[in-house]
Amino acid sequence: MAEFKVVLADPETGETFQREVDGQDANRFLGRELGDEIGGDAVGLSDRTIELTGGSDETGRPMREDVSGTRLKELYLEGGVGFDPSRDGERKRITVRGSEVDDDVAQINVSVVDGDGDVAAALGADDEDDE
């Protein structure tokens, strides 16, 4: 059964929140691609819409929007997702994962794109800070 760590970004405040999802909630992410929008009820935000913005597999390989499917692919990169060059003109062959979410993905990055109200309050994050 699928199980993911979801990192939820609130672009209005700049805060991020982590949630573990499994079972039926995790199945809502399977087969989706980067850039897809889904209902936020999978992460506890029933009145909001979230967008898949990135992710990585269990070995840390990043998902790239320009690689189709769930496959692994070696790319010769000059920068961008998966490689941060240390000097001008540096290029490197990097293994990345495709843009579709499957069981091999361990972490999914999402961003809130629609909905009103405070995301932290909806997730109950304020209650956790008091303890």
Protein backbone atom coordinates (compact mmCIF):
# COMPACT_ATOMS: atom_id res chain seq x y z
CA MET A 1 0.00 0.00 0.00
CA ALA A 2 1.23 3.49 -0.83
CA GLU A 3 2.58 5.75 1.89
CA PHE A 4 3.95 9.26 1.36
CA LYS A 5 5.40 12.15 3.30
CA VAL A 6 3.63 15.25 1.97
CA VAL A 7 5.31 18.65 2.37
CA LEU A 8 2.59 21.29 2.12
CA ALA A 9 3.60 24.88 1.29
CA ASP A 10 1.45 27.91 2.06
CA PRO A 11 2.60 30.58 -0.45
CA GLU A 12 0.74 33.37 1.37
CA THR A 13 2.72 33.01 4.61
CA GLY A 14 5.79 31.11 3.37
CA GLU A 15 5.26 28.33 5.93
CA THR A 16 5.57 24.61 5.22
CA PHE A 17 3.91 21.70 6.99
CA GLN A 18 4.61 17.96 6.85
CA ARG A 19 1.96 15.26 6.87
CA GLU A 20 2.22 11.47 6.59
CA VAL A 21 -0.50 10.05 4.33
CA ASP A 22 -1.35 6.41 3.73
CA GLY A 23 -4.27 4.25 2.69
CA GLN A 24 -7.07 5.94 0.77
CA ASP A 25 -5.50 9.42 1.13
CA ALA A 26 -2.24 8.22 -0.44
CA ASN A 27 -4.12 6.55 -3.30
CA ARG A 28 -5.44 9.97 -4.36
CA PHE A 29 -1.89 10.92 -5.36
CA LEU A 30 -1.10 7.76 -7.36
CA GLY A 31 -1.08 8.31 -11.12
CA ARG A 32 -1.06 12.11 -10.81
CA GLU A 33 1.62 14.19 -12.48
CA LEU A 34 3.50 17.30 -11.42
CA GLY A 35 1.34 20.35 -12.01
CA ASP A 36 -1.95 18.49 -11.39
CA GLU A 37 -4.40 20.00 -8.94
CA ILE A 38 -6.37 17.86 -6.48
CA GLY A 39 -8.63 18.42 -3.49
CA GLY A 40 -6.85 19.18 -0.24
CA ASP A 41 -8.90 16.70 1.76
CA ALA A 42 -6.11 14.11 1.30
CA VAL A 43 -3.92 16.20 3.66
CA GLY A 44 -6.63 17.57 5.93
CA LEU A 45 -7.59 20.72 3.98
CA SER A 46 -11.10 19.89 2.79
CA ASP A 47 -11.96 23.39 1.55
CA ARG A 48 -8.78 23.98 -0.46
CA THR A 49 -7.12 22.89 -3.69
CA ILE A 50 -3.47 21.82 -3.79
CA GLU A 51 -1.03 21.50 -6.69
CA LEU A 52 1.72 18.88 -6.99
CA THR A 53 4.98 20.79 -7.37
CA GLY A 54 7.68 18.16 -6.87
CA GLY A 55 8.90 15.17 -4.95
CA SER A 56 11.58 12.54 -4.62
CA ASP A 57 11.92 8.77 -4.32
CA GLU A 58 13.33 6.78 -1.40
CA THR A 59 16.93 7.30 -2.60
CA GLY A 60 16.54 11.07 -3.00
CA ARG A 61 16.23 11.25 -6.79
CA PRO A 62 14.08 14.29 -7.64
CA MET A 63 11.00 14.19 -9.84
CA ARG A 64 11.29 16.29 -13.01
CA GLU A 65 8.37 17.69 -14.96
CA ASP A 66 10.09 17.15 -18.33
CA VAL A 67 10.52 13.36 -17.84
CA SER A 68 7.33 11.46 -18.64
CA GLY A 69 5.93 8.54 -16.68
CA THR A 70 7.40 6.97 -13.57
CA ARG A 71 10.69 5.83 -15.03
CA LEU A 72 14.24 6.72 -14.08
CA LYS A 73 16.27 8.58 -16.65
CA GLU A 74 19.82 9.88 -16.82
CA LEU A 75 20.01 13.49 -17.99
CA TYR A 76 23.01 15.64 -18.80
CA LEU A 77 22.20 18.76 -16.78
CA GLU A 78 23.62 22.26 -16.59
CA GLY A 79 21.38 23.18 -13.64
CA GLY A 80 17.79 23.09 -12.49
CA VAL A 81 15.98 20.38 -10.56
CA GLY A 82 18.45 17.67 -9.58
CA PHE A 83 21.74 19.55 -10.00
CA ASP A 84 23.19 22.78 -8.62
CA PRO A 85 26.49 23.50 -10.43
CA SER A 86 29.38 24.80 -8.34
CA ARG A 87 30.98 26.78 -11.20
CA ASP A 88 29.94 28.34 -14.52
CA GLY A 89 29.61 25.88 -17.39
CA GLU A 90 29.64 22.79 -15.19
CA ARG A 91 27.50 19.91 -16.48
CA LYS A 92 26.84 16.51 -14.98
CA ARG A 93 24.92 13.33 -15.72
CA ILE A 94 22.21 12.94 -13.07
CA THR A 95 19.57 10.23 -12.58
CA VAL A 96 16.08 11.68 -12.07
CA ARG A 97 12.57 10.27 -11.73
CA GLY A 98 9.62 10.93 -14.04
CA SER A 99 6.78 13.33 -13.30
CA GLU A 100 4.13 10.73 -12.40
CA VAL A 101 3.57 9.68 -8.77
CA ASP A 102 3.83 5.94 -8.07
CA ASP A 103 4.71 3.63 -5.15
CA ASP A 104 8.44 4.38 -5.47
CA VAL A 105 7.95 8.05 -4.54
CA ALA A 106 8.64 8.74 -0.85
CA GLN A 107 8.02 12.50 -0.62
CA ILE A 108 5.56 14.73 -2.47
CA ASN A 109 5.77 18.52 -2.44
CA VAL A 110 2.47 20.37 -2.81
CA SER A 111 1.36 23.98 -2.69
CA VAL A 112 -1.99 25.50 -1.72
CA VAL A 113 -3.43 27.21 -4.80
CA ASP A 114 -7.06 27.88 -3.88
CA GLY A 115 -9.07 28.41 -0.71
CA ASP A 116 -9.64 30.95 2.02
CA GLY A 117 -8.48 31.08 5.61
CA ASP A 118 -5.39 30.23 7.58
CA VAL A 119 -3.72 26.96 6.53
CA ALA A 120 -1.92 26.55 9.87
CA ALA A 121 -5.19 26.79 11.77
CA ALA A 122 -6.90 24.32 9.44
CA LEU A 123 -4.10 21.80 9.98
CA GLY A 124 -4.02 22.36 13.73
CA ALA A 125 -0.38 23.48 13.65
CA ASP A 126 -1.02 26.24 16.22
CA ASP A 127 -2.08 23.61 18.76
CA GLU A 128 1.17 21.67 18.32
CA ASP A 129 3.31 24.76 19.01
CA ASP A 130 1.70 25.26 22.43
CA GLU A 131 2.72 21.82 23.71
